[in-house]
């Protein structure tokens, strides 16, 4: 959960106060603005993601279909032990913790830290999986968790077992792979693939399948035959 050096340096200047910054009363505000500019330069979503329904159907048709492999060797640590900003994934190298990036993107009624623009002090999540409205307050227990749409275990059996550690770290911190969701629903989902789990809220099936397929295509992951059928079924709910 480290911040990148540029933002860390800017925030250190802001927190040090006038004595370290040249005795100008507005130095902290300037430093905060510079940090916010650094954060703002990095978009929270990839261009054209998630793909539209037609594009997702075409991507799904092009995925390799095969049985999953190496389930028994999967470990969470294979994708890095902690969130990391030090990747070239979507949202990387903006100085913010990956989870904070997800919260800033997915929550509404957002209130950010006065000194650190990465920190979300409060907000509201309209959970895409269930439709629940969940409040969030910094440093208080929350019902919100960060979900990998294509779970790490599912990605592992679909090809990630052959990746480099750096590629797996990138996947785990790619904002396009992640969603802020209801905690219990995330637990229920676990590492289940699309044929074993679907969002309880049927209205989200289309976007879920678009995201899921877009992730699989971006990372050249394979699908099982039942998984492909399930994704086709959910994509069929997309309106023209």
C-alpha atoms as a PDB file:
ATOM      1  CA  UNK A   1       0.000   0.000   0.000  1.00  0.00           C
ATOM      2  CA  UNK A   2       2.788   2.456  -0.794  1.00  0.00           C
ATOM      3  CA  UNK A   3       2.328   5.796  -2.476  1.00  0.00           C
ATOM      4  CA  UNK A   4       4.615   6.556  -5.388  1.00  0.00           C
ATOM      5  CA  UNK A   5       7.557   8.833  -4.688  1.00  0.00           C
ATOM      6  CA  UNK A   6       6.318  11.932  -6.568  1.00  0.00           C
ATOM      7  CA  UNK A   7       3.086  12.185  -4.570  1.00  0.00           C
ATOM      8  CA  UNK A   8       4.773  11.168  -1.330  1.00  0.00           C
ATOM      9  CA  UNK A   9       7.280  13.994  -1.779  1.00  0.00           C
ATOM     10  CA  UNK A  10       4.561  16.542  -2.520  1.00  0.00           C
ATOM     11  CA  UNK A  11       2.522  15.507   0.505  1.00  0.00           C
ATOM     12  CA  UNK A  12       5.591  15.560   2.741  1.00  0.00           C
ATOM     13  CA  UNK A  13       6.098  19.177   1.727  1.00  0.00           C
ATOM     14  CA  UNK A  14       2.488  19.982   2.539  1.00  0.00           C
ATOM     15  CA  UNK A  15       2.629  18.316   5.947  1.00  0.00           C
ATOM     16  CA  UNK A  16       5.980  19.904   6.872  1.00  0.00           C
ATOM     17  CA  UNK A  17       4.411  23.354   6.845  1.00  0.00           C
ATOM     18  CA  UNK A  18       5.806  26.806   6.113  1.00  0.00           C
ATOM     19  CA  UNK A  19       9.120  26.251   7.902  1.00  0.00           C
ATOM     20  CA  UNK A  20      10.147  23.615   5.367  1.00  0.00           C
ATOM     21  CA  UNK A  21       8.477  25.224   2.391  1.00  0.00           C
ATOM     22  CA  UNK A  22       9.737  28.778   2.408  1.00  0.00           C
ATOM     23  CA  UNK A  23       7.358  30.409   4.935  1.00  0.00           C
ATOM     24  CA  UNK A  24       4.564  31.017   2.440  1.00  0.00           C
ATOM     25  CA  UNK A  25       1.157  30.406   4.020  1.00  0.00           C
ATOM     26  CA  UNK A  26      -0.260  28.947   0.798  1.00  0.00           C
ATOM     27  CA  UNK A  27       2.467  26.322   0.297  1.00  0.00           C
ATOM     28  CA  UNK A  28       0.283  23.536   1.694  1.00  0.00           C
ATOM     29  CA  UNK A  29      -2.554  24.422  -0.654  1.00  0.00           C
ATOM     30  CA  UNK A  30      -0.145  24.536  -3.597  1.00  0.00           C
ATOM     31  CA  UNK A  31       1.314  21.170  -2.660  1.00  0.00           C
ATOM     32  CA  UNK A  32      -2.152  19.684  -2.347  1.00  0.00           C
ATOM     33  CA  UNK A  33      -3.099  21.051  -5.767  1.00  0.00           C
ATOM     34  CA  UNK A  34       0.066  19.546  -7.256  1.00  0.00           C
ATOM     35  CA  UNK A  35      -0.730  16.173  -5.715  1.00  0.00           C
ATOM     36  CA  UNK A  36      -4.311  16.359  -7.023  1.00  0.00           C
ATOM     37  CA  UNK A  37      -2.973  17.150 -10.493  1.00  0.00           C
ATOM     38  CA  UNK A  38      -0.752  14.052 -10.353  1.00  0.00           C
ATOM     39  CA  UNK A  39      -3.732  11.905  -9.359  1.00  0.00           C
ATOM     40  CA  UNK A  40      -5.922  13.504 -12.017  1.00  0.00           C
ATOM     41  CA  UNK A  41      -3.496  12.741 -14.834  1.00  0.00           C
ATOM     42  CA  UNK A  42      -4.145   9.015 -14.492  1.00  0.00           C
ATOM     43  CA  UNK A  43      -7.607   7.935 -15.718  1.00  0.00           C
ATOM     44  CA  UNK A  44      -9.511   5.454 -13.493  1.00  0.00           C
ATOM     45  CA  UNK A  45     -10.623   3.337 -16.459  1.00  0.00           C
ATOM     46  CA  UNK A  46      -9.070   2.102 -19.675  1.00  0.00           C
ATOM     47  CA  UNK A  47     -10.100   3.649 -22.972  1.00  0.00           C
ATOM     48  CA  UNK A  48     -13.114   1.850 -24.382  1.00  0.00           C
ATOM     49  CA  UNK A  49     -13.627  -0.269 -21.268  1.00  0.00           C
ATOM     50  CA  UNK A  50     -15.873  -2.051 -20.669  1.00  0.00           C
ATOM     51  CA  UNK A  51     -16.469  -3.053 -24.291  1.00  0.00           C
ATOM     52  CA  UNK A  52     -19.938  -2.649 -25.740  1.00  0.00           C
ATOM     53  CA  UNK A  53     -22.156  -5.668 -26.132  1.00  0.00           C
ATOM     54  CA  UNK A  54     -21.258  -6.298 -29.770  1.00  0.00           C
ATOM     55  CA  UNK A  55     -17.534  -5.925 -29.089  1.00  0.00           C
ATOM     56  CA  UNK A  56     -17.756  -8.199 -26.054  1.00  0.00           C
ATOM     57  CA  UNK A  57     -19.538 -10.879 -28.082  1.00  0.00           C
ATOM     58  CA  UNK A  58     -16.797 -10.703 -30.710  1.00  0.00           C
ATOM     59  CA  UNK A  59     -14.093 -10.879 -28.036  1.00  0.00           C
ATOM     60  CA  UNK A  60     -15.796 -13.863 -26.396  1.00  0.00           C
ATOM     61  CA  UNK A  61     -15.927 -15.687 -29.710  1.00  0.00           C
ATOM     62  CA  UNK A  62     -12.163 -15.248 -30.037  1.00  0.00           C
ATOM     63  CA  UNK A  63     -11.209 -16.585 -26.598  1.00  0.00           C
ATOM     64  CA  UNK A  64      -9.496 -19.938 -26.353  1.00  0.00           C
ATOM     65  CA  UNK A  65     -11.771 -22.601 -24.868  1.00  0.00           C
ATOM     66  CA  UNK A  66     -10.092 -25.176 -22.631  1.00  0.00           C
ATOM     67  CA  UNK A  67     -10.309 -26.734 -19.215  1.00  0.00           C
ATOM     68  CA  UNK A  68      -8.823 -24.802 -16.330  1.00  0.00           C
ATOM     69  CA  UNK A  69      -5.330 -25.799 -15.205  1.00  0.00           C
ATOM     70  CA  UNK A  70      -3.239 -25.725 -12.046  1.00  0.00           C
ATOM     71  CA  UNK A  71      -6.054 -24.873  -9.639  1.00  0.00           C
ATOM     72  CA  UNK A  72      -4.160 -26.777  -6.950  1.00  0.00           C
ATOM     73  CA  UNK A  73      -1.116 -24.469  -7.141  1.00  0.00           C
ATOM     74  CA  UNK A  74      -2.969 -21.165  -6.774  1.00  0.00           C
ATOM     75  CA  UNK A  75      -1.980 -18.872  -3.897  1.00  0.00           C
ATOM     76  CA  UNK A  76      -3.069 -15.277  -3.365  1.00  0.00           C
ATOM     77  CA  UNK A  77       0.578 -14.336  -2.863  1.00  0.00           C
ATOM     78  CA  UNK A  78       1.270 -15.251  -6.492  1.00  0.00           C
ATOM     79  CA  UNK A  79      -0.343 -11.924  -7.411  1.00  0.00           C
ATOM     80  CA  UNK A  80       1.542  -9.898  -4.819  1.00  0.00           C
ATOM     81  CA  UNK A  81       0.945  -9.691  -1.087  1.00  0.00           C
ATOM     82  CA  UNK A  82      -0.424  -6.138  -1.048  1.00  0.00           C
ATOM     83  CA  UNK A  83      -1.979  -3.514  -3.281  1.00  0.00           C
ATOM     84  CA  UNK A  84       0.645  -1.793  -5.410  1.00  0.00           C
ATOM     85  CA  UNK A  85       0.707   1.472  -7.316  1.00  0.00           C
ATOM     86  CA  UNK A  86       4.017   0.507  -8.935  1.00  0.00           C
ATOM     87  CA  UNK A  87       2.581  -1.103 -12.065  1.00  0.00           C
ATOM     88  CA  UNK A  88       1.700  -0.012 -15.579  1.00  0.00           C
ATOM     89  CA  UNK A  89      -1.880  -1.231 -15.181  1.00  0.00           C
ATOM     90  CA  UNK A  90      -4.846   1.126 -15.521  1.00  0.00           C
ATOM     91  CA  UNK A  91      -4.642   3.537 -12.572  1.00  0.00           C
ATOM     92  CA  UNK A  92      -1.009   2.773 -11.811  1.00  0.00           C
ATOM     93  CA  UNK A  93       1.696   5.264 -10.817  1.00  0.00           C
ATOM     94  CA  UNK A  94      -0.632   8.028  -9.678  1.00  0.00           C
ATOM     95  CA  UNK A  95       0.583   7.932  -6.088  1.00  0.00           C
ATOM     96  CA  UNK A  96      -2.585   6.376  -4.652  1.00  0.00           C
ATOM     97  CA  UNK A  97      -3.312   3.020  -3.088  1.00  0.00           C
ATOM     98  CA  UNK A  98      -5.235   0.830  -5.533  1.00  0.00           C
ATOM     99  CA  UNK A  99      -8.190   0.421  -3.180  1.00  0.00           C
ATOM    100  CA  UNK A 100      -8.429   4.206  -2.752  1.00  0.00           C
ATOM    101  CA  UNK A 101      -8.507   4.548  -6.545  1.00  0.00           C
ATOM    102  CA  UNK A 102     -11.433   2.107  -6.708  1.00  0.00           C
ATOM    103  CA  UNK A 103     -13.334   3.962  -3.989  1.00  0.00           C
ATOM    104  CA  UNK A 104     -12.779   7.343  -5.633  1.00  0.00           C
ATOM    105  CA  UNK A 105     -14.054   5.953  -8.934  1.00  0.00           C
ATOM    106  CA  UNK A 106     -17.036   3.926  -7.700  1.00  0.00           C
ATOM    107  CA  UNK A 107     -18.456   5.936  -4.803  1.00  0.00           C
ATOM    108  CA  UNK A 108     -20.818   8.889  -5.117  1.00  0.00           C
ATOM    109  CA  UNK A 109     -21.232  11.829  -2.715  1.00  0.00           C
ATOM    110  CA  UNK A 110     -17.463  11.626  -2.436  1.00  0.00           C
ATOM    111  CA  UNK A 111     -15.444  13.578   0.115  1.00  0.00           C
ATOM    112  CA  UNK A 112     -11.677  13.381  -0.267  1.00  0.00           C
ATOM    113  CA  UNK A 113      -8.924  14.176   2.216  1.00  0.00           C
ATOM    114  CA  UNK A 114      -8.040  17.835   2.661  1.00  0.00           C
ATOM    115  CA  UNK A 115      -4.316  17.170   2.433  1.00  0.00           C
ATOM    116  CA  UNK A 116      -4.135  13.848   0.606  1.00  0.00           C
ATOM    117  CA  UNK A 117      -6.356  13.690  -2.512  1.00  0.00           C
ATOM    118  CA  UNK A 118      -6.003   9.903  -2.576  1.00  0.00           C
ATOM    119  CA  UNK A 119      -7.873   9.322   0.667  1.00  0.00           C
ATOM    120  CA  UNK A 120     -11.651   8.929   0.564  1.00  0.00           C
ATOM    121  CA  UNK A 121     -13.132  10.255   3.804  1.00  0.00           C
ATOM    122  CA  UNK A 122     -16.727   9.355   3.012  1.00  0.00           C
ATOM    123  CA  UNK A 123     -19.051   8.412   0.218  1.00  0.00           C
ATOM    124  CA  UNK A 124     -21.855   6.122  -0.890  1.00  0.00           C
ATOM    125  CA  UNK A 125     -21.694   2.940  -2.943  1.00  0.00           C
ATOM    126  CA  UNK A 126     -24.609   1.861  -5.101  1.00  0.00           C
ATOM    127  CA  UNK A 127     -23.542  -1.767  -5.215  1.00  0.00           C
ATOM    128  CA  UNK A 128     -23.701  -3.017  -8.815  1.00  0.00           C
ATOM    129  CA  UNK A 129     -24.135  -6.661  -7.794  1.00  0.00           C
ATOM    130  CA  UNK A 130     -27.141  -6.244  -5.490  1.00  0.00           C
ATOM    131  CA  UNK A 131     -28.434  -2.697  -5.802  1.00  0.00           C
ATOM    132  CA  UNK A 132     -27.773  -2.050  -2.100  1.00  0.00           C
ATOM    133  CA  UNK A 133     -26.891   1.489  -1.007  1.00  0.00           C
ATOM    134  CA  UNK A 134     -23.862   1.269   1.270  1.00  0.00           C
ATOM    135  CA  UNK A 135     -22.291   4.182   3.188  1.00  0.00           C
ATOM    136  CA  UNK A 136     -18.543   4.509   3.576  1.00  0.00           C
ATOM    137  CA  UNK A 137     -16.631   6.428   6.240  1.00  0.00           C
ATOM    138  CA  UNK A 138     -12.860   6.446   6.607  1.00  0.00           C
ATOM    139  CA  UNK A 139     -11.504   4.413   9.549  1.00  0.00           C
ATOM    140  CA  UNK A 140     -14.865   2.812  10.303  1.00  0.00           C
ATOM    141  CA  UNK A 141     -15.912  -0.750   9.581  1.00  0.00           C
ATOM    142  CA  UNK A 142     -17.418  -0.936   6.119  1.00  0.00           C
ATOM    143  CA  UNK A 143     -19.597  -3.371   4.208  1.00  0.00           C
ATOM    144  CA  UNK A 144     -17.653  -2.482   1.049  1.00  0.00           C
ATOM    145  CA  UNK A 145     -14.907  -4.654  -0.418  1.00  0.00           C
ATOM    146  CA  UNK A 146     -12.837  -4.574  -3.600  1.00  0.00           C
ATOM    147  CA  UNK A 147     -13.648  -7.420  -5.980  1.00  0.00           C
ATOM    148  CA  UNK A 148     -11.631  -8.774  -8.890  1.00  0.00           C
ATOM    149  CA  UNK A 149     -14.388  -9.311 -11.462  1.00  0.00           C
ATOM    150  CA  UNK A 150     -12.441 -12.257 -12.862  1.00  0.00           C
ATOM    151  CA  UNK A 151     -11.146 -13.585  -9.569  1.00  0.00           C
ATOM    152  CA  UNK A 152      -7.431 -14.118  -9.092  1.00  0.00           C
ATOM    153  CA  UNK A 153      -7.941 -17.848  -8.703  1.00  0.00           C
ATOM    154  CA  UNK A 154     -10.012 -17.964 -11.876  1.00  0.00           C
ATOM    155  CA  UNK A 155      -7.372 -15.978 -13.757  1.00  0.00           C
ATOM    156  CA  UNK A 156      -4.697 -18.355 -12.470  1.00  0.00           C
ATOM    157  CA  UNK A 157      -6.365 -21.455 -13.889  1.00  0.00           C
ATOM    158  CA  UNK A 158      -7.115 -19.592 -17.158  1.00  0.00           C
ATOM    159  CA  UNK A 159      -3.469 -18.825 -17.910  1.00  0.00           C
ATOM    160  CA  UNK A 160      -2.044 -16.547 -15.216  1.00  0.00           C
ATOM    161  CA  UNK A 161      -0.095 -19.498 -13.800  1.00  0.00           C
ATOM    162  CA  UNK A 162       2.315 -19.001 -16.723  1.00  0.00           C
ATOM    163  CA  UNK A 163       2.763 -15.242 -16.266  1.00  0.00           C
ATOM    164  CA  UNK A 164       5.693 -13.431 -14.705  1.00  0.00           C
ATOM    165  CA  UNK A 165       5.216 -12.128 -11.145  1.00  0.00           C
ATOM    166  CA  UNK A 166       5.214  -8.584 -12.550  1.00  0.00           C
ATOM    167  CA  UNK A 167       2.356  -9.401 -14.942  1.00  0.00           C
ATOM    168  CA  UNK A 168       0.331 -10.946 -12.127  1.00  0.00           C
ATOM    169  CA  UNK A 169       0.903  -7.899  -9.916  1.00  0.00           C
ATOM    170  CA  UNK A 170      -0.287  -5.711 -12.779  1.00  0.00           C
ATOM    171  CA  UNK A 171      -3.453  -7.788 -13.152  1.00  0.00           C
ATOM    172  CA  UNK A 172      -4.228  -7.658  -9.437  1.00  0.00           C
ATOM    173  CA  UNK A 173      -4.030  -3.842  -9.451  1.00  0.00           C
ATOM    174  CA  UNK A 174      -5.675  -3.081 -12.808  1.00  0.00           C
ATOM    175  CA  UNK A 175      -8.626  -0.802 -12.055  1.00  0.00           C
ATOM    176  CA  UNK A 176     -10.563  -2.277 -14.975  1.00  0.00           C
ATOM    177  CA  UNK A 177     -10.403  -5.653 -13.238  1.00  0.00           C
ATOM    178  CA  UNK A 178     -11.718  -4.224  -9.955  1.00  0.00           C
ATOM    179  CA  UNK A 179     -15.074  -3.091  -8.563  1.00  0.00           C
ATOM    180  CA  UNK A 180     -16.218  -1.808  -5.174  1.00  0.00           C
ATOM    181  CA  UNK A 181     -19.002  -4.168  -4.093  1.00  0.00           C
ATOM    182  CA  UNK A 182     -21.023  -5.456  -1.164  1.00  0.00           C
ATOM    183  CA  UNK A 183     -18.819  -7.416   1.244  1.00  0.00           C
ATOM    184  CA  UNK A 184     -21.098 -10.423   1.756  1.00  0.00           C
ATOM    185  CA  UNK A 185     -21.781 -10.755  -1.955  1.00  0.00           C
ATOM    186  CA  UNK A 186     -18.054 -10.678  -2.625  1.00  0.00           C
ATOM    187  CA  UNK A 187     -17.574 -13.479  -0.106  1.00  0.00           C
ATOM    188  CA  UNK A 188     -20.332 -15.475  -1.783  1.00  0.00           C
ATOM    189  CA  UNK A 189     -18.682 -15.002  -5.173  1.00  0.00           C
ATOM    190  CA  UNK A 190     -15.228 -16.021  -4.016  1.00  0.00           C
ATOM    191  CA  UNK A 191     -13.189 -17.427  -6.908  1.00  0.00           C
ATOM    192  CA  UNK A 192     -16.228 -18.673  -8.797  1.00  0.00           C
ATOM    193  CA  UNK A 193     -16.288 -18.278 -12.556  1.00  0.00           C
ATOM    194  CA  UNK A 194     -19.208 -16.936 -14.593  1.00  0.00           C
ATOM    195  CA  UNK A 195     -20.808 -20.368 -14.933  1.00  0.00           C
ATOM    196  CA  UNK A 196     -20.803 -20.830 -11.154  1.00  0.00           C
ATOM    197  CA  UNK A 197     -21.839 -17.332 -10.047  1.00  0.00           C
ATOM    198  CA  UNK A 198     -23.830 -14.392 -11.423  1.00  0.00           C
ATOM    199  CA  UNK A 199     -24.695 -11.063  -9.806  1.00  0.00           C
ATOM    200  CA  UNK A 200     -27.937 -11.396  -7.812  1.00  0.00           C
ATOM    201  CA  UNK A 201     -29.158  -8.246  -9.561  1.00  0.00           C
ATOM    202  CA  UNK A 202     -30.145  -9.452 -13.004  1.00  0.00           C
ATOM    203  CA  UNK A 203     -30.079  -5.903 -14.409  1.00  0.00           C
ATOM    204  CA  UNK A 204     -26.288  -5.986 -14.036  1.00  0.00           C
ATOM    205  CA  UNK A 205     -25.729  -9.204 -15.976  1.00  0.00           C
ATOM    206  CA  UNK A 206     -25.030  -7.400 -19.237  1.00  0.00           C
ATOM    207  CA  UNK A 207     -22.348  -5.108 -17.841  1.00  0.00           C
ATOM    208  CA  UNK A 208     -20.890  -7.881 -15.698  1.00  0.00           C
ATOM    209  CA  UNK A 209     -20.432 -10.093 -18.764  1.00  0.00           C
ATOM    210  CA  UNK A 210     -19.010  -7.176 -20.761  1.00  0.00           C
ATOM    211  CA  UNK A 211     -16.454  -6.466 -18.045  1.00  0.00           C
ATOM    212  CA  UNK A 212     -15.657 -10.129 -17.510  1.00  0.00           C
ATOM    213  CA  UNK A 213     -15.154 -10.767 -21.229  1.00  0.00           C
ATOM    214  CA  UNK A 214     -13.151  -7.581 -21.711  1.00  0.00           C
ATOM    215  CA  UNK A 215     -10.779  -8.618 -18.934  1.00  0.00           C
ATOM    216  CA  UNK A 216     -10.340 -12.116 -20.341  1.00  0.00           C
ATOM    217  CA  UNK A 217      -9.606 -10.693 -23.793  1.00  0.00           C
ATOM    218  CA  UNK A 218      -7.155  -8.056 -22.532  1.00  0.00           C
ATOM    219  CA  UNK A 219      -5.110 -10.656 -20.674  1.00  0.00           C
ATOM    220  CA  UNK A 220      -5.510 -13.450 -23.256  1.00  0.00           C
ATOM    221  CA  UNK A 221      -7.088 -15.781 -20.718  1.00  0.00           C
ATOM    222  CA  UNK A 222      -8.950 -18.915 -21.702  1.00  0.00           C
ATOM    223  CA  UNK A 223     -12.543 -19.842 -20.836  1.00  0.00           C
ATOM    224  CA  UNK A 224     -14.096 -23.196 -20.114  1.00  0.00           C
ATOM    225  CA  UNK A 225     -17.015 -24.297 -22.278  1.00  0.00           C
ATOM    226  CA  UNK A 226     -19.598 -23.786 -19.476  1.00  0.00           C
ATOM    227  CA  UNK A 227     -18.068 -20.393 -18.676  1.00  0.00           C
ATOM    228  CA  UNK A 228     -18.413 -19.300 -22.298  1.00  0.00           C
ATOM    229  CA  UNK A 229     -22.047 -20.396 -22.423  1.00  0.00           C
ATOM    230  CA  UNK A 230     -22.802 -18.471 -19.232  1.00  0.00           C
ATOM    231  CA  UNK A 231     -21.197 -15.312 -20.623  1.00  0.00           C
ATOM    232  CA  UNK A 232     -23.145 -15.687 -23.867  1.00  0.00           C
ATOM    233  CA  UNK A 233     -26.335 -16.006 -21.830  1.00  0.00           C
ATOM    234  CA  UNK A 234     -25.612 -12.846 -19.837  1.00  0.00           C
ATOM    235  CA  UNK A 235     -24.569 -10.895 -22.949  1.00  0.00           C
ATOM    236  CA  UNK A 236     -27.900 -11.871 -24.499  1.00  0.00           C
ATOM    237  CA  UNK A 237     -29.596  -9.684 -21.852  1.00  0.00           C
ATOM    238  CA  UNK A 238     -27.938  -6.543 -23.269  1.00  0.00           C
ATOM    239  CA  UNK A 239     -30.392  -4.215 -24.977  1.00  0.00           C
ATOM    240  CA  UNK A 240     -29.580  -3.164 -28.562  1.00  0.00           C
END
